[in-house]
Amino acid sequence: MSDETNITQLLLDSQLGDKAALDELTPLVYAELRRLAESYLAHERPDHTLQATALVHEAYMRLIDQTSVSWQNRAQFFGLAAKMMRRILVNHAEAHHAAKRGGHAQKLSLDDAVSFFEEEQVDLLALNEALNRLAALDERQSEIIELKFFGGLTIEEVSEMMSLSPATVKREWNMAKAWLLKELS
């Protein structure tokens, strides 16, 4: 059984209350969640107080406590994990800025937007606001950005999760990146 199939089956079993399935699921998804967390935090300010381990644990605890989710597959799980991590980081950033009594976040440079935040710090508050505006205009493009950037999913995984062709996902991904470039520069 492949890891993808195994993860999907364990998600379904744990949703039905199988505690052993949840215990078996944890080590299978932990490394990928840790990789995602480290990737997000690499774009944060150097003095960030939230560590990758804490981000993984917080997101994982929220994921396994989900009662309204009907687990379908691995891609859905990691897509939801991406959303959870985004919310946790945005909440943390908001609290940090509130503690500084209205500290102002830096704008993303044009180069940062073009490389889609792969090398520089990301202003998560600005990105979150831009994604919220994008969602109001085009929910599908916003979800694709969230799944690819925050979830680390491939075009093919996003395609499968959203029941779209890979060509459509790629086209929407490129259009959404261009829109974000305009918004964040």
N, C-alpha and C. Protein backbone atom coordinates (compact mmCIF):
# COMPACT_ATOMS: atom_id res chain seq x y z
N MET A 1 0.86 -1.19 0.00
CA MET A 1 0.00 0.00 0.00
C MET A 1 0.90 1.24 0.00
N SER A 2 0.64 2.19 -0.89
CA SER A 2 1.44 3.41 -0.96
C SER A 2 1.15 4.28 0.25
N ASP A 3 2.10 5.20 0.54
CA ASP A 3 1.90 6.12 1.65
C ASP A 3 0.63 6.95 1.46
N GLU A 4 0.38 7.39 0.21
CA GLU A 4 -0.80 8.20 -0.06
C GLU A 4 -2.08 7.43 0.27
N THR A 5 -2.15 6.18 -0.18
CA THR A 5 -3.32 5.34 0.08
C THR A 5 -3.43 5.06 1.57
N ASN A 6 -2.30 4.76 2.20
CA ASN A 6 -2.28 4.46 3.63
C ASN A 6 -2.74 5.67 4.44
N ILE A 7 -2.25 6.86 4.10
CA ILE A 7 -2.67 8.07 4.81
C ILE A 7 -4.16 8.29 4.66
N THR A 8 -4.66 8.13 3.45
CA THR A 8 -6.10 8.30 3.21
C THR A 8 -6.91 7.32 4.06
N GLN A 9 -6.50 6.05 4.07
CA GLN A 9 -7.22 5.04 4.85
C GLN A 9 -7.16 5.34 6.34
N LEU A 10 -5.99 5.76 6.82
CA LEU A 10 -5.85 6.09 8.24
C LEU A 10 -6.70 7.30 8.62
N LEU A 11 -6.79 8.28 7.73
CA LEU A 11 -7.66 9.44 7.98
C LEU A 11 -9.11 9.00 8.12
N LEU A 12 -9.54 8.15 7.20
CA LEU A 12 -10.92 7.64 7.25
C LEU A 12 -11.18 6.84 8.52
N ASP A 13 -10.22 5.97 8.87
CA ASP A 13 -10.37 5.15 10.08
C ASP A 13 -10.39 6.01 11.34
N SER A 14 -9.51 7.01 11.40
CA SER A 14 -9.46 7.85 12.59
C SER A 14 -10.73 8.68 12.73
N GLN A 15 -11.32 9.06 11.60
CA GLN A 15 -12.56 9.81 11.63
C GLN A 15 -13.69 8.96 12.21
N LEU A 16 -13.58 7.64 12.04
CA LEU A 16 -14.59 6.73 12.59
C LEU A 16 -14.30 6.37 14.04
N GLY A 17 -13.27 7.02 14.62
CA GLY A 17 -12.98 6.82 16.04
C GLY A 17 -11.90 5.80 16.33
N ASP A 18 -11.20 5.31 15.33
CA ASP A 18 -10.12 4.34 15.52
C ASP A 18 -8.88 5.04 16.05
N LYS A 19 -8.64 4.93 17.35
CA LYS A 19 -7.50 5.60 17.99
C LYS A 19 -6.17 5.06 17.48
N ALA A 20 -6.10 3.77 17.19
CA ALA A 20 -4.86 3.17 16.67
C ALA A 20 -4.52 3.77 15.30
N ALA A 21 -5.52 4.08 14.50
CA ALA A 21 -5.28 4.69 13.19
C ALA A 21 -4.67 6.07 13.36
N LEU A 22 -5.17 6.82 14.33
CA LEU A 22 -4.62 8.15 14.60
C LEU A 22 -3.17 8.05 15.06
N ASP A 23 -2.88 7.07 15.91
CA ASP A 23 -1.50 6.86 16.37
C ASP A 23 -0.58 6.49 15.22
N GLU A 24 -1.08 5.73 14.28
CA GLU A 24 -0.28 5.31 13.12
C GLU A 24 -0.14 6.45 12.11
N LEU A 25 -1.12 7.32 12.03
CA LEU A 25 -1.12 8.44 11.09
C LEU A 25 -0.06 9.48 11.45
N THR A 26 0.08 9.76 12.72
CA THR A 26 0.94 10.84 13.18
C THR A 26 2.35 10.78 12.59
N PRO A 27 3.09 9.68 12.72
CA PRO A 27 4.45 9.69 12.16
C PRO A 27 4.48 9.77 10.63
N LEU A 28 3.42 9.33 9.98
CA LEU A 28 3.38 9.38 8.51
C LEU A 28 3.25 10.81 7.99
N VAL A 29 2.54 11.66 8.70
CA VAL A 29 2.32 13.03 8.22
C VAL A 29 3.25 14.05 8.88
N TYR A 30 3.88 13.67 9.98
CA TYR A 30 4.68 14.63 10.75
C TYR A 30 5.81 15.24 9.92
N ALA A 31 6.57 14.42 9.20
CA ALA A 31 7.72 14.93 8.45
C ALA A 31 7.27 15.95 7.40
N GLU A 32 6.17 15.67 6.72
CA GLU A 32 5.68 16.60 5.69
C GLU A 32 5.16 17.88 6.34
N LEU A 33 4.46 17.77 7.45
CA LEU A 33 3.99 18.97 8.16
C LEU A 33 5.18 19.79 8.65
N ARG A 34 6.20 19.13 9.12
CA ARG A 34 7.40 19.82 9.61
C ARG A 34 8.09 20.55 8.45
N ARG A 35 8.16 19.91 7.28
CA ARG A 35 8.76 20.55 6.11
C ARG A 35 7.98 21.81 5.72
N LEU A 36 6.66 21.71 5.75
CA LEU A 36 5.83 22.87 5.44
C LEU A 36 6.06 24.00 6.45
N ALA A 37 6.08 23.66 7.71
CA ALA A 37 6.27 24.66 8.76
C ALA A 37 7.63 25.34 8.62
N GLU A 38 8.66 24.56 8.37
CA GLU A 38 10.00 25.15 8.21
C GLU A 38 10.04 26.05 6.98
N SER A 39 9.35 25.66 5.94
CA SER A 39 9.30 26.48 4.73
C SER A 39 8.63 27.82 5.01
N TYR A 40 7.52 27.82 5.73
CA TYR A 40 6.83 29.06 6.07
C TYR A 40 7.70 29.94 6.94
N LEU A 41 8.28 29.34 7.96
CA LEU A 41 9.05 30.11 8.92
C LEU A 41 10.36 30.63 8.33
N ALA A 42 10.84 30.02 7.28
CA ALA A 42 12.05 30.52 6.62
C ALA A 42 11.81 31.90 6.02
N HIS A 43 10.56 32.22 5.74
CA HIS A 43 10.21 33.51 5.15
C HIS A 43 9.85 34.56 6.21
N GLU A 44 9.86 34.16 7.46
CA GLU A 44 9.49 35.06 8.54
C GLU A 44 10.68 35.89 9.00
N ARG A 45 10.41 36.86 9.84
CA ARG A 45 11.48 37.69 10.38
C ARG A 45 12.42 36.82 11.22
N PRO A 46 13.70 37.19 11.30
CA PRO A 46 14.69 36.36 12.01
C PRO A 46 14.39 36.16 13.50
N ASP A 47 13.73 37.12 14.12
CA ASP A 47 13.46 37.01 15.55
C ASP A 47 12.07 36.42 15.85
N HIS A 48 11.52 35.70 14.89
CA HIS A 48 10.18 35.12 15.06
C HIS A 48 10.19 34.19 16.27
N THR A 49 9.16 34.31 17.10
CA THR A 49 9.12 33.53 18.34
C THR A 49 8.44 32.18 18.18
N LEU A 50 7.75 31.97 17.07
CA LEU A 50 7.08 30.70 16.85
C LEU A 50 8.04 29.75 16.14
N GLN A 51 8.25 28.58 16.70
CA GLN A 51 9.15 27.58 16.13
C GLN A 51 8.36 26.58 15.29
N ALA A 52 9.07 25.91 14.38
CA ALA A 52 8.43 24.94 13.47
C ALA A 52 7.69 23.85 14.24
N THR A 53 8.30 23.35 15.29
CA THR A 53 7.68 22.28 16.07
C THR A 53 6.35 22.74 16.67
N ALA A 54 6.33 23.95 17.21
CA ALA A 54 5.10 24.49 17.80
C ALA A 54 4.03 24.69 16.73
N LEU A 55 4.45 25.16 15.55
CA LEU A 55 3.50 25.37 14.46
C LEU A 55 2.91 24.04 14.00
N VAL A 56 3.75 23.02 13.87
CA VAL A 56 3.28 21.68 13.47
C VAL A 56 2.29 21.14 14.51
N HIS A 57 2.66 21.23 15.77
CA HIS A 57 1.80 20.68 16.83
C HIS A 57 0.46 21.39 16.88
N GLU A 58 0.49 22.72 16.79
CA GLU A 58 -0.76 23.48 16.84
C GLU A 58 -1.66 23.13 15.64
N ALA A 59 -1.07 23.09 14.45
CA ALA A 59 -1.86 22.75 13.25
C ALA A 59 -2.39 21.33 13.34
N TYR A 60 -1.55 20.39 13.76
CA TYR A 60 -1.96 18.99 13.83
C TYR A 60 -3.10 18.80 14.84
N MET A 61 -2.98 19.45 15.98
CA MET A 61 -4.04 19.33 16.99
C MET A 61 -5.36 19.88 16.45
N ARG A 62 -5.30 20.97 15.73
CA ARG A 62 -6.53 21.52 15.14
C ARG A 62 -7.09 20.58 14.07
N LEU A 63 -6.20 19.96 13.29
CA LEU A 63 -6.65 19.06 12.23
C LEU A 63 -7.35 17.83 12.78
N ILE A 64 -6.76 17.21 13.78
CA ILE A 64 -7.36 15.97 14.29
C ILE A 64 -8.61 16.23 15.10
N ASP A 65 -8.80 17.49 15.52
CA ASP A 65 -10.02 17.85 16.25
C ASP A 65 -11.17 18.21 15.32
N GLN A 66 -10.93 18.22 14.02
CA GLN A 66 -11.96 18.57 13.05
C GLN A 66 -13.07 17.52 13.07
N THR A 67 -14.27 17.97 13.31
CA THR A 67 -15.40 17.04 13.31
C THR A 67 -16.29 17.25 12.08
N SER A 68 -16.15 18.41 11.46
CA SER A 68 -17.01 18.71 10.32
C SER A 68 -16.36 18.36 8.98
N VAL A 69 -15.14 17.81 9.03
CA VAL A 69 -14.44 17.47 7.79
C VAL A 69 -14.66 16.01 7.46
N SER A 70 -15.00 15.76 6.22
CA SER A 70 -15.10 14.39 5.74
C SER A 70 -13.84 14.13 4.93
N TRP A 71 -12.89 13.43 5.55
CA TRP A 71 -11.59 13.22 4.91
C TRP A 71 -11.75 12.42 3.63
N GLN A 72 -11.09 12.91 2.57
CA GLN A 72 -11.16 12.26 1.28
C GLN A 72 -9.83 11.66 0.85
N ASN A 73 -8.74 12.40 1.08
CA ASN A 73 -7.43 11.93 0.65
C ASN A 73 -6.31 12.73 1.30
N ARG A 74 -5.09 12.34 0.98
CA ARG A 74 -3.89 12.99 1.50
C ARG A 74 -3.83 14.46 1.10
N ALA A 75 -4.14 14.75 -0.16
CA ALA A 75 -4.06 16.13 -0.65
C ALA A 75 -5.01 17.04 0.12
N GLN A 76 -6.20 16.56 0.42
CA GLN A 76 -7.15 17.36 1.19
C GLN A 76 -6.60 17.62 2.58
N PHE A 77 -6.00 16.61 3.20
CA PHE A 77 -5.43 16.76 4.54
C PHE A 77 -4.36 17.84 4.55
N PHE A 78 -3.41 17.75 3.60
CA PHE A 78 -2.33 18.72 3.58
C PHE A 78 -2.81 20.10 3.12
N GLY A 79 -3.85 20.15 2.31
CA GLY A 79 -4.45 21.43 1.94
C GLY A 79 -5.06 22.11 3.16
N LEU A 80 -5.76 21.36 3.96
CA LEU A 80 -6.33 21.91 5.19
C LEU A 80 -5.23 22.27 6.18
N ALA A 81 -4.17 21.46 6.23
CA ALA A 81 -3.02 21.77 7.09
C ALA A 81 -2.42 23.12 6.69
N ALA A 82 -2.33 23.36 5.39
CA ALA A 82 -1.79 24.63 4.90
C ALA A 82 -2.65 25.80 5.38
N LYS A 83 -3.96 25.64 5.30
CA LYS A 83 -4.87 26.69 5.77
C LYS A 83 -4.71 26.92 7.27
N MET A 84 -4.59 25.83 8.02
CA MET A 84 -4.42 25.95 9.47
C MET A 84 -3.13 26.70 9.80
N MET A 85 -2.03 26.31 9.13
CA MET A 85 -0.75 26.97 9.39
C MET A 85 -0.82 28.45 9.02
N ARG A 86 -1.48 28.75 7.92
CA ARG A 86 -1.63 30.15 7.52
C ARG A 86 -2.36 30.92 8.62
N ARG A 87 -3.47 30.38 9.10
CA ARG A 87 -4.24 31.07 10.15
C ARG A 87 -3.42 31.25 11.42
N ILE A 88 -2.69 30.22 11.79
CA ILE A 88 -1.86 30.31 13.01
C ILE A 88 -0.81 31.40 12.84
N LEU A 89 -0.12 31.42 11.69
CA LEU A 89 0.92 32.43 11.46
C LEU A 89 0.33 33.83 11.37
N VAL A 90 -0.81 33.97 10.72
CA VAL A 90 -1.44 35.29 10.63
C VAL A 90 -1.87 35.76 12.01
N ASN A 91 -2.47 34.88 12.79
CA ASN A 91 -2.87 35.26 14.17
C ASN A 91 -1.65 35.65 14.99
N HIS A 92 -0.56 34.91 14.82
CA HIS A 92 0.67 35.22 15.55
C HIS A 92 1.22 36.58 15.12
N ALA A 93 1.20 36.84 13.81
CA ALA A 93 1.68 38.13 13.30
C ALA A 93 0.81 39.28 13.79
N GLU A 94 -0.51 39.07 13.80
CA GLU A 94 -1.41 40.12 14.29
C GLU A 94 -1.15 40.42 15.76
N ALA A 95 -0.94 39.37 16.54
CA ALA A 95 -0.65 39.57 17.96
C ALA A 95 0.69 40.30 18.13
N HIS A 96 1.66 39.95 17.32
CA HIS A 96 2.98 40.60 17.40
C HIS A 96 2.85 42.09 17.07
N HIS A 97 2.10 42.41 16.00
CA HIS A 97 1.94 43.81 15.62
C HIS A 97 1.11 44.58 16.65
N ALA A 98 0.12 43.93 17.23
CA ALA A 98 -0.68 44.59 18.26
C ALA A 98 0.18 44.88 19.48
N ALA A 99 1.08 43.97 19.81
CA ALA A 99 1.96 44.16 20.96
C ALA A 99 2.90 45.33 20.73
N LYS A 100 3.23 45.61 19.49
CA LYS A 100 4.11 46.73 19.17
C LYS A 100 3.31 48.02 19.00
N ARG A 101 2.03 47.99 19.36
CA ARG A 101 1.14 49.15 19.27
C ARG A 101 1.11 49.73 17.87
N GLY A 102 0.68 48.88 16.96
CA GLY A 102 0.48 49.37 15.60
C GLY A 102 1.74 49.36 14.76
N GLY A 103 2.72 48.52 15.09
CA GLY A 103 3.92 48.42 14.26
C GLY A 103 3.54 48.14 12.83
N HIS A 104 4.24 48.76 11.90
CA HIS A 104 3.88 48.62 10.50
C HIS A 104 4.73 47.56 9.82
N ALA A 105 4.08 46.71 9.09
CA ALA A 105 4.78 45.65 8.36
C ALA A 105 5.38 46.22 7.09
N GLN A 106 6.49 45.63 6.67
CA GLN A 106 7.11 46.06 5.43
C GLN A 106 6.33 45.50 4.25
N LYS A 107 6.30 46.28 3.18
CA LYS A 107 5.68 45.80 1.94
C LYS A 107 6.62 44.80 1.29
N LEU A 108 6.05 43.88 0.53
CA LEU A 108 6.86 42.96 -0.25
C LEU A 108 7.45 43.70 -1.44
N SER A 109 8.69 43.38 -1.75
CA SER A 109 9.29 43.98 -2.94
C SER A 109 8.76 43.28 -4.18
N LEU A 110 8.95 43.91 -5.33
CA LEU A 110 8.52 43.32 -6.59
C LEU A 110 9.24 42.00 -6.82
N ASP A 111 10.52 41.94 -6.51
CA ASP A 111 11.28 40.70 -6.69
C ASP A 111 10.73 39.59 -5.81
N ASP A 112 10.34 39.94 -4.61
CA ASP A 112 9.77 38.92 -3.72
C ASP A 112 8.50 38.34 -4.32
N ALA A 113 7.66 39.21 -4.86
CA ALA A 113 6.41 38.74 -5.44
C ALA A 113 6.66 37.90 -6.68
N VAL A 114 7.60 38.30 -7.51
CA VAL A 114 7.89 37.55 -8.72
C VAL A 114 8.38 36.15 -8.38
N SER A 115 9.29 36.05 -7.42
CA SER A 115 9.80 34.73 -7.04
C SER A 115 8.82 34.01 -6.11
N PHE A 116 7.71 34.67 -5.86
CA PHE A 116 6.64 34.17 -5.01
C PHE A 116 7.13 33.75 -3.64
N PHE A 117 7.84 34.67 -3.03
CA PHE A 117 8.21 34.57 -1.63
C PHE A 117 9.15 33.42 -1.32
N GLU A 118 9.98 33.03 -2.28
CA GLU A 118 10.84 31.88 -2.05
C GLU A 118 12.14 32.24 -1.35
N GLU A 119 12.56 33.51 -1.39
CA GLU A 119 13.87 33.84 -0.84
C GLU A 119 13.83 34.87 0.28
N GLU A 120 12.85 35.74 0.31
CA GLU A 120 12.81 36.82 1.28
C GLU A 120 11.76 36.58 2.35
N GLN A 121 11.73 37.46 3.32
CA GLN A 121 10.70 37.37 4.35
C GLN A 121 9.34 37.68 3.73
N VAL A 122 8.33 37.05 4.26
CA VAL A 122 6.97 37.27 3.77
C VAL A 122 6.22 38.07 4.82
N ASP A 123 5.55 39.11 4.40
CA ASP A 123 4.65 39.84 5.28
C ASP A 123 3.32 39.10 5.24
N LEU A 124 3.13 38.22 6.22
CA LEU A 124 1.93 37.38 6.20
C LEU A 124 0.65 38.17 6.32
N LEU A 125 0.70 39.30 7.01
CA LEU A 125 -0.52 40.10 7.12
C LEU A 125 -0.91 40.68 5.77
N ALA A 126 0.08 41.20 5.03
CA ALA A 126 -0.20 41.74 3.69
C ALA A 126 -0.65 40.62 2.75
N LEU A 127 0.01 39.47 2.83
CA LEU A 127 -0.37 38.35 1.99
C LEU A 127 -1.77 37.87 2.34
N ASN A 128 -2.08 37.79 3.61
CA ASN A 128 -3.41 37.36 4.04
C ASN A 128 -4.49 38.32 3.53
N GLU A 129 -4.24 39.62 3.66
CA GLU A 129 -5.20 40.61 3.17
C GLU A 129 -5.39 40.49 1.66
N ALA A 130 -4.27 40.30 0.94
CA ALA A 130 -4.35 40.15 -0.52
C ALA A 130 -5.11 38.89 -0.89
N LEU A 131 -4.87 37.78 -0.19
CA LEU A 131 -5.59 36.54 -0.47
C LEU A 131 -7.08 36.68 -0.17
N ASN A 132 -7.41 37.43 0.88
CA ASN A 132 -8.83 37.67 1.17
C ASN A 132 -9.49 38.48 0.05
N ARG A 133 -8.77 39.49 -0.48
CA ARG A 133 -9.31 40.27 -1.60
C ARG A 133 -9.44 39.39 -2.84
N LEU A 134 -8.43 38.54 -3.07
CA LEU A 134 -8.49 37.64 -4.22
C LEU A 134 -9.67 36.67 -4.08
N ALA A 135 -9.90 36.17 -2.88
CA ALA A 135 -11.01 35.24 -2.65
C ALA A 135 -12.35 35.90 -2.98
N ALA A 136 -12.46 37.19 -2.69
CA ALA A 136 -13.70 37.91 -3.01
C ALA A 136 -13.89 38.01 -4.52
N LEU A 137 -12.79 38.08 -5.25
CA LEU A 137 -12.86 38.19 -6.71
C LEU A 137 -12.92 36.82 -7.38
N ASP A 138 -12.11 35.88 -6.87
CA ASP A 138 -12.02 34.57 -7.50
C ASP A 138 -11.61 33.55 -6.45
N GLU A 139 -12.60 32.89 -5.88
CA GLU A 139 -12.38 31.92 -4.80
C GLU A 139 -11.45 30.79 -5.25
N ARG A 140 -11.62 30.34 -6.47
CA ARG A 140 -10.81 29.22 -6.97
C ARG A 140 -9.34 29.59 -7.04
N GLN A 141 -9.02 30.77 -7.55
CA GLN A 141 -7.62 31.19 -7.62
C GLN A 141 -7.03 31.34 -6.23
N SER A 142 -7.80 31.87 -5.31
CA SER A 142 -7.33 32.01 -3.93
C SER A 142 -7.01 30.65 -3.32
N GLU A 143 -7.89 29.69 -3.55
CA GLU A 143 -7.67 28.34 -3.02
C GLU A 143 -6.45 27.69 -3.65
N ILE A 144 -6.24 27.91 -4.93
CA ILE A 144 -5.06 27.34 -5.60
C ILE A 144 -3.79 27.93 -5.00
N ILE A 145 -3.76 29.24 -4.78
CA ILE A 145 -2.59 29.87 -4.15
C ILE A 145 -2.35 29.27 -2.78
N GLU A 146 -3.40 29.14 -2.00
CA GLU A 146 -3.28 28.60 -0.66
C GLU A 146 -2.73 27.17 -0.68
N LEU A 147 -3.24 26.35 -1.56
CA LEU A 147 -2.81 24.96 -1.63
C LEU A 147 -1.39 24.82 -2.14
N LYS A 148 -1.02 25.62 -3.15
CA LYS A 148 0.33 25.52 -3.72
C LYS A 148 1.35 26.18 -2.81
N PHE A 149 1.09 27.42 -2.38
CA PHE A 149 2.09 28.15 -1.59
C PHE A 149 2.12 27.67 -0.15
N PHE A 150 1.00 27.67 0.51
CA PHE A 150 0.97 27.28 1.91
C PHE A 150 0.97 25.77 2.09
N GLY A 151 0.31 25.07 1.20
CA GLY A 151 0.21 23.62 1.32
C GLY A 151 1.34 22.86 0.68
N GLY A 152 2.08 23.52 -0.19
CA GLY A 152 3.19 22.85 -0.85
C GLY A 152 2.76 21.75 -1.81
N LEU A 153 1.48 21.79 -2.23
CA LEU A 153 0.99 20.75 -3.14
C LEU A 153 1.45 21.04 -4.57
N THR A 154 1.59 19.99 -5.34
CA THR A 154 1.95 20.13 -6.74
C THR A 154 0.72 20.50 -7.56
N ILE A 155 0.96 20.89 -8.80
CA ILE A 155 -0.16 21.19 -9.72
C ILE A 155 -1.08 19.98 -9.81
N GLU A 156 -0.48 18.79 -9.92
CA GLU A 156 -1.27 17.56 -10.05
C GLU A 156 -2.10 17.29 -8.80
N GLU A 157 -1.52 17.51 -7.61
CA GLU A 157 -2.26 17.29 -6.37
C GLU A 157 -3.41 18.29 -6.22
N VAL A 158 -3.15 19.55 -6.58
CA VAL A 158 -4.22 20.55 -6.53
C VAL A 158 -5.32 20.19 -7.53
N SER A 159 -4.89 19.75 -8.70
CA SER A 159 -5.82 19.33 -9.74
C SER A 159 -6.74 18.23 -9.22
N GLU A 160 -6.15 17.23 -8.59
CA GLU A 160 -6.93 16.11 -8.05
C GLU A 160 -7.87 16.58 -6.94
N MET A 161 -7.35 17.39 -6.05
CA MET A 161 -8.14 17.82 -4.91
C MET A 161 -9.33 18.70 -5.33
N MET A 162 -9.12 19.55 -6.35
CA MET A 162 -10.16 20.48 -6.75
C MET A 162 -10.98 19.98 -7.95
N SER A 163 -10.67 18.77 -8.42
CA SER A 163 -11.36 18.19 -9.58
C SER A 163 -11.29 19.11 -10.80
N LEU A 164 -10.07 19.59 -11.06
CA LEU A 164 -9.80 20.44 -12.22
C LEU A 164 -8.69 19.79 -13.03
N SER A 165 -8.57 20.17 -14.29
CA SER A 165 -7.47 19.65 -15.10
C SER A 165 -6.18 20.33 -14.66
N PRO A 166 -5.04 19.65 -14.80
CA PRO A 166 -3.76 20.29 -14.48
C PRO A 166 -3.54 21.58 -15.28
N ALA A 167 -3.98 21.61 -16.54
CA ALA A 167 -3.82 22.81 -17.36
C ALA A 167 -4.61 23.99 -16.77
N THR A 168 -5.82 23.71 -16.28
CA THR A 168 -6.63 24.76 -15.65
C THR A 168 -5.97 25.26 -14.38
N VAL A 169 -5.47 24.35 -13.55
CA VAL A 169 -4.80 24.75 -12.30
C VAL A 169 -3.58 25.60 -12.62
N LYS A 170 -2.79 25.19 -13.59
CA LYS A 170 -1.59 25.94 -13.94
C LYS A 170 -1.94 27.34 -14.45
N ARG A 171 -2.96 27.42 -15.30
CA ARG A 171 -3.40 28.72 -15.82
C ARG A 171 -3.91 29.62 -14.69
N GLU A 172 -4.73 29.08 -13.80
CA GLU A 172 -5.26 29.86 -12.67
C GLU A 172 -4.14 30.26 -11.71
N TRP A 173 -3.19 29.37 -11.48
CA TRP A 173 -2.03 29.64 -10.62
C TRP A 173 -1.26 30.84 -11.17
N ASN A 174 -0.98 30.83 -12.47
CA ASN A 174 -0.22 31.92 -13.10
C ASN A 174 -1.00 33.23 -13.05
N MET A 175 -2.29 33.18 -13.28
CA MET A 175 -3.11 34.40 -13.21
C MET A 175 -3.16 34.94 -11.78
N ALA A 176 -3.29 34.05 -10.81
CA ALA A 176 -3.35 34.48 -9.41
C ALA A 176 -2.02 35.08 -8.97
N LYS A 177 -0.91 34.48 -9.39
CA LYS A 177 0.42 35.03 -9.06
C LYS A 177 0.58 36.43 -9.64
N ALA A 178 0.13 36.61 -10.88
CA ALA A 178 0.22 37.93 -11.51
C ALA A 178 -0.63 38.95 -10.76
N TRP A 179 -1.81 38.53 -10.33
CA TRP A 179 -2.68 39.44 -9.57
C TRP A 179 -2.02 39.80 -8.24
N LEU A 180 -1.44 38.81 -7.56
CA LEU A 180 -0.78 39.09 -6.28
C LEU A 180 0.43 40.00 -6.48
N LEU A 181 1.16 39.82 -7.56
CA LEU A 181 2.30 40.68 -7.86
C LEU A 181 1.85 42.13 -7.91
N LYS A 182 0.75 42.36 -8.61
CA LYS A 182 0.20 43.72 -8.73
C LYS A 182 -0.24 44.24 -7.36
N GLU A 183 -0.91 43.42 -6.60
CA GLU A 183 -1.43 43.83 -5.29
C GLU A 183 -0.35 44.11 -4.26
N LEU A 184 0.69 43.32 -4.29
CA LEU A 184 1.70 43.39 -3.23
C LEU A 184 2.90 44.25 -3.57
N SER A 185 2.95 44.74 -4.80
CA SER A 185 4.12 45.57 -5.16
C SER A 185 3.82 47.04 -4.98
